[in-house]
Amino acid sequence: MTATKKTSPGKGKKPSQAVVVDDFVVEFRKYKTELNRKFLERKPWVPKDERMVVSFIPGTVTSVFVTEGQHVEEGKELMILEAMKMKNRIYADRSGVVKKINVSIGERVPKSKVMFEMDLD
């Protein structure tokens, strides 16, 4: 992906505004496209941190089955997160020691909150 700036205006753009143009190839054909501001200001992709257990939906914590310092095996049930009357069971992705618990029973958690921190084996 090669991004270059061109100074000529695009449709509906002011002449002084710089436009970022990108070249890409699809099935041996070369195309040029203007990249919009939303694309240029997007959040970069970050790989998942295996040590963190993160909520995938907002909900309420109804049960926690582990304690800090406890060793858990892969697949061990950590807690129940209730959302829209559905009880979602959260399991350990990897075996390790529960380093820190960041939630308590009855707490409402938003999406993407770090609920458990683990030290992996």
PDB file of N, CA and C in Angstrom:
ATOM      1  N   MET A   1       0.848  -1.168   0.000  1.00  0.00           N
ATOM      2  CA  MET A   1       0.000   0.000   0.000  1.00  0.00           C
ATOM      3  C   MET A   1       0.889   1.225   0.000  1.00  0.00           C
ATOM      4  N   THR A   2       0.772   2.028  -1.014  1.00  0.00           N
ATOM      5  CA  THR A   2       1.561   3.242  -1.093  1.00  0.00           C
ATOM      6  C   THR A   2       0.623   4.427  -1.045  1.00  0.00           C
ATOM      7  N   ALA A   3       0.811   5.283  -0.078  1.00  0.00           N
ATOM      8  CA  ALA A   3      -0.028   6.465   0.055  1.00  0.00           C
ATOM      9  C   ALA A   3       0.768   7.673  -0.401  1.00  0.00           C
ATOM     10  N   THR A   4       0.174   8.456  -1.266  1.00  0.00           N
ATOM     11  CA  THR A   4       0.812   9.673  -1.734  1.00  0.00           C
ATOM     12  C   THR A   4      -0.170  10.811  -1.593  1.00  0.00           C
ATOM     13  N   LYS A   5       0.359  12.007  -1.467  1.00  0.00           N
ATOM     14  CA  LYS A   5      -0.514  13.181  -1.386  1.00  0.00           C
ATOM     15  C   LYS A   5      -0.561  13.849  -2.742  1.00  0.00           C
ATOM     16  N   LYS A   6      -1.752  14.213  -3.146  1.00  0.00           N
ATOM     17  CA  LYS A   6      -1.858  14.984  -4.382  1.00  0.00           C
ATOM     18  C   LYS A   6      -2.549  16.294  -4.042  1.00  0.00           C
ATOM     19  N   THR A   7      -2.185  17.321  -4.735  1.00  0.00           N
ATOM     20  CA  THR A   7      -2.704  18.640  -4.398  1.00  0.00           C
ATOM     21  C   THR A   7      -3.903  19.044  -5.221  1.00  0.00           C
ATOM     22  N   SER A   8      -4.208  18.315  -6.271  1.00  0.00           N
ATOM     23  CA  SER A   8      -5.380  18.683  -7.063  1.00  0.00           C
ATOM     24  C   SER A   8      -6.641  18.278  -6.309  1.00  0.00           C
ATOM     25  N   PRO A   9      -7.674  19.102  -6.368  1.00  0.00           N
ATOM     26  CA  PRO A   9      -8.880  18.821  -5.582  1.00  0.00           C
ATOM     27  C   PRO A   9      -9.709  17.687  -6.170  1.00  0.00           C
ATOM     28  N   GLY A  10     -10.383  16.942  -5.286  1.00  0.00           N
ATOM     29  CA  GLY A  10     -11.330  15.928  -5.711  1.00  0.00           C
ATOM     30  C   GLY A  10     -12.698  16.565  -5.846  1.00  0.00           C
ATOM     31  N   LYS A  11     -13.729  15.776  -6.052  1.00  0.00           N
ATOM     32  CA  LYS A  11     -15.081  16.307  -6.187  1.00  0.00           C
ATOM     33  C   LYS A  11     -15.510  16.966  -4.880  1.00  0.00           C
ATOM     34  N   GLY A  12     -15.979  18.197  -4.958  1.00  0.00           N
ATOM     35  CA  GLY A  12     -16.511  18.891  -3.801  1.00  0.00           C
ATOM     36  C   GLY A  12     -15.462  19.286  -2.777  1.00  0.00           C
ATOM     37  N   LYS A  13     -14.192  19.262  -3.127  1.00  0.00           N
ATOM     38  CA  LYS A  13     -13.131  19.594  -2.189  1.00  0.00           C
ATOM     39  C   LYS A  13     -12.544  20.952  -2.551  1.00  0.00           C
ATOM     40  N   LYS A  14     -12.037  21.646  -1.562  1.00  0.00           N
ATOM     41  CA  LYS A  14     -11.378  22.925  -1.785  1.00  0.00           C
ATOM     42  C   LYS A  14     -10.027  22.679  -2.453  1.00  0.00           C
ATOM     43  N   PRO A  15      -9.582  23.558  -3.321  1.00  0.00           N
ATOM     44  CA  PRO A  15      -8.305  23.348  -4.012  1.00  0.00           C
ATOM     45  C   PRO A  15      -7.102  23.274  -3.075  1.00  0.00           C
ATOM     46  N   SER A  16      -7.136  23.944  -1.926  1.00  0.00           N
ATOM     47  CA  SER A  16      -5.977  23.953  -1.035  1.00  0.00           C
ATOM     48  C   SER A  16      -5.889  22.700  -0.156  1.00  0.00           C
ATOM     49  N   GLN A  17      -6.927  21.883  -0.129  1.00  0.00           N
ATOM     50  CA  GLN A  17      -6.951  20.693   0.730  1.00  0.00           C
ATOM     51  C   GLN A  17      -6.200  19.542   0.053  1.00  0.00           C
ATOM     52  N   ALA A  18      -5.273  18.920   0.794  1.00  0.00           N
ATOM     53  CA  ALA A  18      -4.524  17.785   0.263  1.00  0.00           C
ATOM     54  C   ALA A  18      -5.370  16.529   0.362  1.00  0.00           C
ATOM     55  N   VAL A  19      -5.295  15.683  -0.658  1.00  0.00           N
ATOM     56  CA  VAL A  19      -6.048  14.443  -0.702  1.00  0.00           C
ATOM     57  C   VAL A  19      -5.055  13.289  -0.698  1.00  0.00           C
ATOM     58  N   VAL A  20      -5.301  12.281   0.137  1.00  0.00           N
ATOM     59  CA  VAL A  20      -4.427  11.116   0.192  1.00  0.00           C
ATOM     60  C   VAL A  20      -4.948  10.087  -0.795  1.00  0.00           C
ATOM     61  N   VAL A  21      -4.079   9.642  -1.682  1.00  0.00           N
ATOM     62  CA  VAL A  21      -4.443   8.687  -2.717  1.00  0.00           C
ATOM     63  C   VAL A  21      -3.676   7.399  -2.464  1.00  0.00           C
ATOM     64  N   ASP A  22      -4.343   6.271  -2.647  1.00  0.00           N
ATOM     65  CA  ASP A  22      -3.708   4.978  -2.426  1.00  0.00           C
ATOM     66  C   ASP A  22      -3.855   4.134  -3.686  1.00  0.00           C
ATOM     67  N   ASP A  23      -2.801   3.391  -4.020  1.00  0.00           N
ATOM     68  CA  ASP A  23      -2.846   2.448  -5.132  1.00  0.00           C
ATOM     69  C   ASP A  23      -3.029   1.049  -4.570  1.00  0.00           C
ATOM     70  N   PHE A  24      -3.899   0.259  -5.169  1.00  0.00           N
ATOM     71  CA  PHE A  24      -4.052  -1.131  -4.760  1.00  0.00           C
ATOM     72  C   PHE A  24      -4.345  -1.981  -5.987  1.00  0.00           C
ATOM     73  N   VAL A  25      -4.073  -3.281  -5.867  1.00  0.00           N
ATOM     74  CA  VAL A  25      -4.212  -4.196  -6.998  1.00  0.00           C
ATOM     75  C   VAL A  25      -5.240  -5.267  -6.648  1.00  0.00           C
ATOM     76  N   VAL A  26      -6.201  -5.480  -7.557  1.00  0.00           N
ATOM     77  CA  VAL A  26      -7.195  -6.540  -7.416  1.00  0.00           C
ATOM     78  C   VAL A  26      -7.183  -7.337  -8.718  1.00  0.00           C
ATOM     79  N   GLU A  27      -6.869  -8.617  -8.619  1.00  0.00           N
ATOM     80  CA  GLU A  27      -6.814  -9.501  -9.783  1.00  0.00           C
ATOM     81  C   GLU A  27      -6.033  -8.875 -10.943  1.00  0.00           C
ATOM     82  N   PHE A  28      -4.824  -8.423 -10.658  1.00  0.00           N
ATOM     83  CA  PHE A  28      -3.879  -7.893 -11.634  1.00  0.00           C
ATOM     84  C   PHE A  28      -4.294  -6.553 -12.232  1.00  0.00           C
ATOM     85  N   ARG A  29      -5.331  -5.912 -11.694  1.00  0.00           N
ATOM     86  CA  ARG A  29      -5.706  -4.581 -12.153  1.00  0.00           C
ATOM     87  C   ARG A  29      -5.327  -3.573 -11.075  1.00  0.00           C
ATOM     88  N   LYS A  30      -4.757  -2.463 -11.480  1.00  0.00           N
ATOM     89  CA  LYS A  30      -4.331  -1.437 -10.550  1.00  0.00           C
ATOM     90  C   LYS A  30      -5.410  -0.356 -10.460  1.00  0.00           C
ATOM     91  N   TYR A  31      -5.779   0.012  -9.239  1.00  0.00           N
ATOM     92  CA  TYR A  31      -6.801   1.024  -8.996  1.00  0.00           C
ATOM     93  C   TYR A  31      -6.210   2.122  -8.122  1.00  0.00           C
ATOM     94  N   LYS A  32      -6.771   3.327  -8.236  1.00  0.00           N
ATOM     95  CA  LYS A  32      -6.428   4.434  -7.356  1.00  0.00           C
ATOM     96  C   LYS A  32      -7.699   4.821  -6.620  1.00  0.00           C
ATOM     97  N   THR A  33      -7.546   5.155  -5.342  1.00  0.00           N
ATOM     98  CA  THR A  33      -8.697   5.583  -4.559  1.00  0.00           C
ATOM     99  C   THR A  33      -8.282   6.701  -3.621  1.00  0.00           C
ATOM    100  N   GLU A  34      -9.223   7.573  -3.317  1.00  0.00           N
ATOM    101  CA  GLU A  34      -8.985   8.612  -2.321  1.00  0.00           C
ATOM    102  C   GLU A  34      -9.398   8.063  -0.961  1.00  0.00           C
ATOM    103  N   LEU A  35      -8.531   8.213   0.022  1.00  0.00           N
ATOM    104  CA  LEU A  35      -8.819   7.732   1.373  1.00  0.00           C
ATOM    105  C   LEU A  35      -9.517   8.842   2.140  1.00  0.00           C
ATOM    106  N   ASN A  36     -10.675   8.528   2.741  1.00  0.00           N
ATOM    107  CA  ASN A  36     -11.413   9.553   3.464  1.00  0.00           C
ATOM    108  C   ASN A  36     -10.846   9.751   4.875  1.00  0.00           C
ATOM    109  N   ARG A  37     -11.279  10.812   5.522  1.00  0.00           N
ATOM    110  CA  ARG A  37     -10.790  11.169   6.846  1.00  0.00           C
ATOM    111  C   ARG A  37     -11.096  10.078   7.871  1.00  0.00           C
ATOM    112  N   LYS A  38     -12.264   9.466   7.795  1.00  0.00           N
ATOM    113  CA  LYS A  38     -12.640   8.410   8.739  1.00  0.00           C
ATOM    114  C   LYS A  38     -11.658   7.239   8.645  1.00  0.00           C
ATOM    115  N   PHE A  39     -11.276   6.874   7.434  1.00  0.00           N
ATOM    116  CA  PHE A  39     -10.319   5.786   7.243  1.00  0.00           C
ATOM    117  C   PHE A  39      -8.948   6.160   7.794  1.00  0.00           C
ATOM    118  N   LEU A  40      -8.516   7.377   7.541  1.00  0.00           N
ATOM    119  CA  LEU A  40      -7.190   7.809   7.989  1.00  0.00           C
ATOM    120  C   LEU A  40      -7.097   7.956   9.510  1.00  0.00           C
ATOM    121  N   GLU A  41      -8.227   8.272  10.177  1.00  0.00           N
ATOM    122  CA  GLU A  41      -8.220   8.487  11.631  1.00  0.00           C
ATOM    123  C   GLU A  41      -8.691   7.264  12.422  1.00  0.00           C
ATOM    124  N   ARG A  42      -8.813   6.114  11.762  1.00  0.00           N
ATOM    125  CA  ARG A  42      -9.306   4.911  12.450  1.00  0.00           C
ATOM    126  C   ARG A  42      -8.300   4.447  13.500  1.00  0.00           C
ATOM    127  N   LYS A  43      -8.809   3.696  14.488  1.00  0.00           N
ATOM    128  CA  LYS A  43      -7.935   3.133  15.511  1.00  0.00           C
ATOM    129  C   LYS A  43      -7.135   1.994  14.898  1.00  0.00           C
ATOM    130  N   PRO A  44      -5.856   1.931  15.186  1.00  0.00           N
ATOM    131  CA  PRO A  44      -5.063   0.825  14.634  1.00  0.00           C
ATOM    132  C   PRO A  44      -5.436  -0.495  15.303  1.00  0.00           C
ATOM    133  N   TRP A  45      -5.261  -1.594  14.577  1.00  0.00           N
ATOM    134  CA  TRP A  45      -5.545  -2.916  15.111  1.00  0.00           C
ATOM    135  C   TRP A  45      -4.496  -3.274  16.158  1.00  0.00           C
ATOM    136  N   VAL A  46      -4.971  -3.814  17.280  1.00  0.00           N
ATOM    137  CA  VAL A  46      -4.077  -4.233  18.364  1.00  0.00           C
ATOM    138  C   VAL A  46      -4.350  -5.711  18.626  1.00  0.00           C
ATOM    139  N   PRO A  47      -3.319  -6.555  18.666  1.00  0.00           N
ATOM    140  CA  PRO A  47      -3.558  -7.974  18.929  1.00  0.00           C
ATOM    141  C   PRO A  47      -4.104  -8.193  20.335  1.00  0.00           C
ATOM    142  N   LYS A  48      -4.882  -9.260  20.497  1.00  0.00           N
ATOM    143  CA  LYS A  48      -5.497  -9.586  21.779  1.00  0.00           C
ATOM    144  C   LYS A  48      -4.417  -9.941  22.799  1.00  0.00           C
ATOM    145  N   ASP A  49      -4.548  -9.394  24.004  1.00  0.00           N
ATOM    146  CA  ASP A  49      -3.637  -9.716  25.096  1.00  0.00           C
ATOM    147  C   ASP A  49      -4.190 -10.950  25.797  1.00  0.00           C
ATOM    148  N   GLU A  50      -3.495 -12.070  25.671  1.00  0.00           N
ATOM    149  CA  GLU A  50      -3.959 -13.348  26.218  1.00  0.00           C
ATOM    150  C   GLU A  50      -4.064 -13.327  27.744  1.00  0.00           C
ATOM    151  N   ARG A  51      -3.388 -12.378  28.403  1.00  0.00           N
ATOM    152  CA  ARG A  51      -3.409 -12.325  29.867  1.00  0.00           C
ATOM    153  C   ARG A  51      -4.666 -11.669  30.417  1.00  0.00           C
ATOM    154  N   MET A  52      -5.449 -11.011  29.569  1.00  0.00           N
ATOM    155  CA  MET A  52      -6.645 -10.293  30.014  1.00  0.00           C
ATOM    156  C   MET A  52      -7.908 -11.021  29.568  1.00  0.00           C
ATOM    157  N   VAL A  53      -8.860 -11.166  30.492  1.00  0.00           N
ATOM    158  CA  VAL A  53     -10.183 -11.699  30.156  1.00  0.00           C
ATOM    159  C   VAL A  53     -11.101 -10.486  30.085  1.00  0.00           C
ATOM    160  N   VAL A  54     -11.623 -10.216  28.885  1.00  0.00           N
ATOM    161  CA  VAL A  54     -12.373  -9.000  28.600  1.00  0.00           C
ATOM    162  C   VAL A  54     -13.830  -9.339  28.325  1.00  0.00           C
ATOM    163  N   SER A  55     -14.753  -8.460  28.785  1.00  0.00           N
ATOM    164  CA  SER A  55     -16.177  -8.688  28.517  1.00  0.00           C
ATOM    165  C   SER A  55     -16.464  -8.443  27.044  1.00  0.00           C
ATOM    166  N   PHE A  56     -17.185  -9.375  26.435  1.00  0.00           N
ATOM    167  CA  PHE A  56     -17.503  -9.252  25.009  1.00  0.00           C
ATOM    168  C   PHE A  56     -18.844  -8.573  24.787  1.00  0.00           C
ATOM    169  N   ILE A  57     -19.661  -8.447  25.854  1.00  0.00           N
ATOM    170  CA  ILE A  57     -20.932  -7.729  25.802  1.00  0.00           C
ATOM    171  C   ILE A  57     -21.142  -7.022  27.141  1.00  0.00           C
ATOM    172  N   PRO A  58     -21.967  -5.977  27.178  1.00  0.00           N
ATOM    173  CA  PRO A  58     -22.290  -5.381  28.475  1.00  0.00           C
ATOM    174  C   PRO A  58     -23.248  -6.292  29.234  1.00  0.00           C
ATOM    175  N   GLY A  59     -23.146  -6.297  30.544  1.00  0.00           N
ATOM    176  CA  GLY A  59     -24.022  -7.139  31.339  1.00  0.00           C
ATOM    177  C   GLY A  59     -23.781  -6.970  32.826  1.00  0.00           C
ATOM    178  N   THR A  60     -24.397  -7.846  33.618  1.00  0.00           N
ATOM    179  CA  THR A  60     -24.282  -7.822  35.067  1.00  0.00           C
ATOM    180  C   THR A  60     -23.611  -9.102  35.541  1.00  0.00           C
ATOM    181  N   VAL A  61     -22.644  -8.963  36.438  1.00  0.00           N
ATOM    182  CA  VAL A  61     -21.947 -10.121  36.998  1.00  0.00           C
ATOM    183  C   VAL A  61     -22.865 -10.770  38.027  1.00  0.00           C
ATOM    184  N   THR A  62     -23.215 -12.045  37.829  1.00  0.00           N
ATOM    185  CA  THR A  62     -24.080 -12.729  38.784  1.00  0.00           C
ATOM    186  C   THR A  62     -23.326 -13.724  39.655  1.00  0.00           C
ATOM    187  N   SER A  63     -22.222 -14.275  39.155  1.00  0.00           N
ATOM    188  CA  SER A  63     -21.427 -15.231  39.935  1.00  0.00           C
ATOM    189  C   SER A  63     -19.964 -15.138  39.541  1.00  0.00           C
ATOM    190  N   VAL A  64     -19.077 -15.295  40.533  1.00  0.00           N
ATOM    191  CA  VAL A  64     -17.640 -15.390  40.295  1.00  0.00           C
ATOM    192  C   VAL A  64     -17.178 -16.666  40.986  1.00  0.00           C
ATOM    193  N   PHE A  65     -16.513 -17.561  40.232  1.00  0.00           N
ATOM    194  CA  PHE A  65     -16.157 -18.880  40.751  1.00  0.00           C
ATOM    195  C   PHE A  65     -14.695 -19.034  41.147  1.00  0.00           C
ATOM    196  N   VAL A  66     -13.876 -18.001  40.966  1.00  0.00           N
ATOM    197  CA  VAL A  66     -12.452 -18.102  41.282  1.00  0.00           C
ATOM    198  C   VAL A  66     -12.057 -16.992  42.247  1.00  0.00           C
ATOM    199  N   THR A  67     -10.877 -17.130  42.833  1.00  0.00           N
ATOM    200  CA  THR A  67     -10.335 -16.106  43.719  1.00  0.00           C
ATOM    201  C   THR A  67      -8.961 -15.691  43.210  1.00  0.00           C
ATOM    202  N   GLU A  68      -8.484 -14.557  43.670  1.00  0.00           N
ATOM    203  CA  GLU A  68      -7.160 -14.093  43.282  1.00  0.00           C
ATOM    204  C   GLU A  68      -6.111 -15.060  43.809  1.00  0.00           C
ATOM    205  N   GLY A  69      -5.137 -15.364  42.983  1.00  0.00           N
ATOM    206  CA  GLY A  69      -4.081 -16.288  43.364  1.00  0.00           C
ATOM    207  C   GLY A  69      -4.395 -17.745  43.062  1.00  0.00           C
ATOM    208  N   GLN A  70      -5.594 -18.036  42.623  1.00  0.00           N
ATOM    209  CA  GLN A  70      -6.002 -19.416  42.327  1.00  0.00           C
ATOM    210  C   GLN A  70      -5.474 -19.832  40.962  1.00  0.00           C
ATOM    211  N   HIS A  71      -4.976 -21.065  40.872  1.00  0.00           N
ATOM    212  CA  HIS A  71      -4.525 -21.613  39.594  1.00  0.00           C
ATOM    213  C   HIS A  71      -5.725 -22.218  38.881  1.00  0.00           C
ATOM    214  N   VAL A  72      -5.905 -21.865  37.599  1.00  0.00           N
ATOM    215  CA  VAL A  72      -7.024 -22.395  36.807  1.00  0.00           C
ATOM    216  C   VAL A  72      -6.482 -23.073  35.565  1.00  0.00           C
ATOM    217  N   GLU A  73      -7.156 -24.108  35.145  1.00  0.00           N
ATOM    218  CA  GLU A  73      -6.811 -24.820  33.918  1.00  0.00           C
ATOM    219  C   GLU A  73      -7.604 -24.229  32.758  1.00  0.00           C
ATOM    220  N   GLU A  74      -7.146 -24.459  31.549  1.00  0.00           N
ATOM    221  CA  GLU A  74      -7.847 -24.005  30.357  1.00  0.00           C
ATOM    222  C   GLU A  74      -9.247 -24.614  30.331  1.00  0.00           C
ATOM    223  N   GLY A  75     -10.270 -23.777  30.099  1.00  0.00           N
ATOM    224  CA  GLY A  75     -11.646 -24.259  30.051  1.00  0.00           C
ATOM    225  C   GLY A  75     -12.370 -24.182  31.383  1.00  0.00           C
ATOM    226  N   LYS A  76     -11.693 -23.763  32.453  1.00  0.00           N
ATOM    227  CA  LYS A  76     -12.336 -23.634  33.775  1.00  0.00           C
ATOM    228  C   LYS A  76     -13.300 -22.459  33.753  1.00  0.00           C
ATOM    229  N   GLU A  77     -14.465 -22.638  34.348  1.00  0.00           N
ATOM    230  CA  GLU A  77     -15.469 -21.577  34.407  1.00  0.00           C
ATOM    231  C   GLU A  77     -15.025 -20.510  35.401  1.00  0.00           C
ATOM    232  N   LEU A  78     -14.962 -19.258  34.943  1.00  0.00           N
ATOM    233  CA  LEU A  78     -14.524 -18.155  35.794  1.00  0.00           C
ATOM    234  C   LEU A  78     -15.686 -17.405  36.420  1.00  0.00           C
ATOM    235  N   MET A  79     -16.737 -17.158  35.633  1.00  0.00           N
ATOM    236  CA  MET A  79     -17.857 -16.350  36.127  1.00  0.00           C
ATOM    237  C   MET A  79     -19.063 -16.495  35.212  1.00  0.00           C
ATOM    238  N   ILE A  80     -20.188 -15.897  35.651  1.00  0.00           N
ATOM    239  CA  ILE A  80     -21.393 -15.806  34.823  1.00  0.00           C
ATOM    240  C   ILE A  80     -21.710 -14.331  34.629  1.00  0.00           C
ATOM    241  N   LEU A  81     -21.864 -13.936  33.371  1.00  0.00           N
ATOM    242  CA  LEU A  81     -22.212 -12.570  33.006  1.00  0.00           C
ATOM    243  C   LEU A  81     -23.609 -12.602  32.400  1.00  0.00           C
ATOM    244  N   GLU A  82     -24.569 -11.976  33.077  1.00  0.00           N
ATOM    245  CA  GLU A  82     -25.957 -11.988  32.607  1.00  0.00           C
ATOM    246  C   GLU A  82     -26.229 -10.761  31.759  1.00  0.00           C
ATOM    247  N   ALA A  83     -26.774 -11.008  30.562  1.00  0.00           N
ATOM    248  CA  ALA A  83     -27.133  -9.925  29.647  1.00  0.00           C
ATOM    249  C   ALA A  83     -28.436 -10.292  28.959  1.00  0.00           C
ATOM    250  N   MET A  84     -29.422  -9.427  29.045  1.00  0.00           N
ATOM    251  CA  MET A  84     -30.735  -9.636  28.437  1.00  0.00           C
ATOM    252  C   MET A  84     -31.326 -10.987  28.838  1.00  0.00           C
ATOM    253  N   LYS A  85     -31.259 -11.307  30.109  1.00  0.00           N
ATOM    254  CA  LYS A  85     -31.798 -12.534  30.707  1.00  0.00           C
ATOM    255  C   LYS A  85     -31.110 -13.804  30.209  1.00  0.00           C
ATOM    256  N   MET A  86     -29.946 -13.646  29.595  1.00  0.00           N
ATOM    257  CA  MET A  86     -29.143 -14.791  29.159  1.00  0.00           C
ATOM    258  C   MET A  86     -27.932 -14.878  30.073  1.00  0.00           C
ATOM    259  N   LYS A  87     -27.645 -16.065  30.559  1.00  0.00           N
ATOM    260  CA  LYS A  87     -26.498 -16.262  31.440  1.00  0.00           C
ATOM    261  C   LYS A  87     -25.328 -16.765  30.602  1.00  0.00           C
ATOM    262  N   ASN A  88     -24.347 -15.890  30.388  1.00  0.00           N
ATOM    263  CA  ASN A  88     -23.173 -16.210  29.595  1.00  0.00           C
ATOM    264  C   ASN A  88     -22.066 -16.675  30.524  1.00  0.00           C
ATOM    265  N   ARG A  89     -21.614 -17.893  30.339  1.00  0.00           N
ATOM    266  CA  ARG A  89     -20.548 -18.446  31.166  1.00  0.00           C
ATOM    267  C   ARG A  89     -19.212 -18.071  30.542  1.00  0.00           C
ATOM    268  N   ILE A  90     -18.340 -17.485  31.339  1.00  0.00           N
ATOM    269  CA  ILE A  90     -17.027 -17.039  30.875  1.00  0.00           C
ATOM    270  C   ILE A  90     -15.997 -18.066  31.347  1.00  0.00           C
ATOM    271  N   TYR A  91     -15.219 -18.609  30.401  1.00  0.00           N
ATOM    272  CA  TYR A  91     -14.231 -19.641  30.679  1.00  0.00           C
ATOM    273  C   TYR A  91     -12.823 -19.102  30.458  1.00  0.00           C
ATOM    274  N   ALA A  92     -11.846 -19.745  31.084  1.00  0.00           N
ATOM    275  CA  ALA A  92     -10.446 -19.381  30.904  1.00  0.00           C
ATOM    276  C   ALA A  92      -9.973 -19.880  29.546  1.00  0.00           C
ATOM    277  N   ASP A  93      -9.366 -18.992  28.765  1.00  0.00           N
ATOM    278  CA  ASP A  93      -8.829 -19.363  27.452  1.00  0.00           C
ATOM    279  C   ASP A  93      -7.546 -20.163  27.582  1.00  0.00           C
ATOM    280  N   ARG A  94      -6.768 -19.872  28.608  1.00  0.00           N
ATOM    281  CA  ARG A  94      -5.483 -20.521  28.822  1.00  0.00           C
ATOM    282  C   ARG A  94      -5.354 -20.859  30.305  1.00  0.00           C
ATOM    283  N   SER A  95      -4.504 -21.797  30.636  1.00  0.00           N
ATOM    284  CA  SER A  95      -4.279 -22.117  32.045  1.00  0.00           C
ATOM    285  C   SER A  95      -3.285 -21.125  32.636  1.00  0.00           C
ATOM    286  N   GLY A  96      -3.443 -20.834  33.919  1.00  0.00           N
ATOM    287  CA  GLY A  96      -2.579 -19.882  34.604  1.00  0.00           C
ATOM    288  C   GLY A  96      -3.126 -19.544  35.974  1.00  0.00           C
ATOM    289  N   VAL A  97      -2.570 -18.495  36.561  1.00  0.00           N
ATOM    290  CA  VAL A  97      -2.966 -18.046  37.898  1.00  0.00           C
ATOM    291  C   VAL A  97      -3.757 -16.747  37.752  1.00  0.00           C
ATOM    292  N   VAL A  98      -4.878 -16.643  38.478  1.00  0.00           N
ATOM    293  CA  VAL A  98      -5.680 -15.426  38.462  1.00  0.00           C
ATOM    294  C   VAL A  98      -4.919 -14.375  39.259  1.00  0.00           C
ATOM    295  N   LYS A  99      -4.423 -13.365  38.574  1.00  0.00           N
ATOM    296  CA  LYS A  99      -3.624 -12.326  39.213  1.00  0.00           C
ATOM    297  C   LYS A  99      -4.506 -11.289  39.901  1.00  0.00           C
ATOM    298  N   LYS A 100      -5.566 -10.843  39.206  1.00  0.00           N
ATOM    299  CA  LYS A 100      -6.436  -9.810  39.752  1.00  0.00           C
ATOM    300  C   LYS A 100      -7.845  -9.970  39.209  1.00  0.00           C
ATOM    301  N   ILE A 101      -8.839  -9.746  40.074  1.00  0.00           N
ATOM    302  CA  ILE A 101     -10.243  -9.760  39.675  1.00  0.00           C
ATOM    303  C   ILE A 101     -10.741  -8.321  39.736  1.00  0.00           C
ATOM    304  N   ASN A 102     -11.202  -7.802  38.616  1.00  0.00           N
ATOM    305  CA  ASN A 102     -11.619  -6.399  38.523  1.00  0.00           C
ATOM    306  C   ASN A 102     -13.130  -6.208  38.571  1.00  0.00           C
ATOM    307  N   VAL A 103     -13.892  -7.252  38.874  1.00  0.00           N
ATOM    308  CA  VAL A 103     -15.351  -7.154  38.953  1.00  0.00           C
ATOM    309  C   VAL A 103     -15.824  -7.755  40.269  1.00  0.00           C
ATOM    310  N   SER A 104     -17.049  -7.412  40.642  1.00  0.00           N
ATOM    311  CA  SER A 104     -17.658  -8.013  41.834  1.00  0.00           C
ATOM    312  C   SER A 104     -19.096  -8.402  41.496  1.00  0.00           C
ATOM    313  N   ILE A 105     -19.666  -9.255  42.309  1.00  0.00           N
ATOM    314  CA  ILE A 105     -21.028  -9.736  42.063  1.00  0.00           C
ATOM    315  C   ILE A 105     -22.000  -8.563  42.143  1.00  0.00           C
ATOM    316  N   GLY A 106     -22.890  -8.480  41.140  1.00  0.00           N
ATOM    317  CA  GLY A 106     -23.880  -7.414  41.070  1.00  0.00           C
ATOM    318  C   GLY A 106     -23.421  -6.199  40.275  1.00  0.00           C
ATOM    319  N   GLU A 107     -22.158  -6.161  39.897  1.00  0.00           N
ATOM    320  CA  GLU A 107     -21.630  -5.025  39.145  1.00  0.00           C
ATOM    321  C   GLU A 107     -22.052  -5.092  37.683  1.00  0.00           C
ATOM    322  N   ARG A 108     -22.413  -3.932  37.127  1.00  0.00           N
ATOM    323  CA  ARG A 108     -22.724  -3.833  35.692  1.00  0.00           C
ATOM    324  C   ARG A 108     -21.431  -3.506  34.963  1.00  0.00           C
ATOM    325  N   VAL A 109     -21.117  -4.306  33.958  1.00  0.00           N
ATOM    326  CA  VAL A 109     -19.878  -4.132  33.215  1.00  0.00           C
ATOM    327  C   VAL A 109     -20.169  -3.696  31.781  1.00  0.00           C
ATOM    328  N   PRO A 110     -19.411  -2.726  31.265  1.00  0.00           N
ATOM    329  CA  PRO A 110     -19.558  -2.345  29.859  1.00  0.00           C
ATOM    330  C   PRO A 110     -18.808  -3.315  28.962  1.00  0.00           C
ATOM    331  N   LYS A 111     -19.030  -3.197  27.669  1.00  0.00           N
ATOM    332  CA  LYS A 111     -18.290  -4.014  26.705  1.00  0.00           C
ATOM    333  C   LYS A 111     -16.811  -3.630  26.763  1.00  0.00           C
ATOM    334  N   SER A 112     -15.943  -4.611  26.597  1.00  0.00           N
ATOM    335  CA  SER A 112     -14.481  -4.448  26.545  1.00  0.00           C
ATOM    336  C   SER A 112     -13.838  -4.089  27.875  1.00  0.00           C
ATOM    337  N   LYS A 113     -14.503  -4.337  28.993  1.00  0.00           N
ATOM    338  CA  LYS A 113     -13.887  -4.106  30.298  1.00  0.00           C
ATOM    339  C   LYS A 113     -13.010  -5.311  30.651  1.00  0.00           C
ATOM    340  N   VAL A 114     -11.830  -5.046  31.203  1.00  0.00           N
ATOM    341  CA  VAL A 114     -10.941  -6.114  31.658  1.00  0.00           C
ATOM    342  C   VAL A 114     -11.506  -6.638  32.983  1.00  0.00           C
ATOM    343  N   MET A 115     -11.999  -7.886  32.977  1.00  0.00           N
ATOM    344  CA  MET A 115     -12.617  -8.465  34.167  1.00  0.00           C
ATOM    345  C   MET A 115     -11.611  -9.240  35.016  1.00  0.00           C
ATOM    346  N   PHE A 116     -10.696  -9.968  34.352  1.00  0.00           N
ATOM    347  CA  PHE A 116      -9.679 -10.754  35.058  1.00  0.00           C
ATOM    348  C   PHE A 116      -8.321 -10.481  34.412  1.00  0.00           C
ATOM    349  N   GLU A 117      -7.283 -10.453  35.258  1.00  0.00           N
ATOM    350  CA  GLU A 117      -5.908 -10.410  34.774  1.00  0.00           C
ATOM    351  C   GLU A 117      -5.259 -11.707  35.205  1.00  0.00           C
ATOM    352  N   MET A 118      -4.535 -12.342  34.279  1.00  0.00           N
ATOM    353  CA  MET A 118      -3.971 -13.670  34.544  1.00  0.00           C
ATOM    354  C   MET A 118      -2.462 -13.678  34.320  1.00  0.00           C
ATOM    355  N   ASP A 119      -1.772 -14.540  35.056  1.00  0.00           N
ATOM    356  CA  ASP A 119      -0.377 -14.891  34.762  1.00  0.00           C
ATOM    357  C   ASP A 119      -0.434 -16.251  34.110  1.00  0.00           C
ATOM    358  N   LEU A 120      -0.039 -16.329  32.852  1.00  0.00           N
ATOM    359  CA  LEU A 120      -0.161 -17.575  32.101  1.00  0.00           C
ATOM    360  C   LEU A 120       0.973 -18.530  32.408  1.00  0.00           C
ATOM    361  N   ASP A 121       0.688 -19.830  32.271  1.00  0.00           N
ATOM    362  CA  ASP A 121       1.716 -20.868  32.457  1.00  0.00           C
ATOM    363  C   ASP A 121       2.632 -20.921  31.267  1.00  0.00           C
TER     364      ASP A 121
END
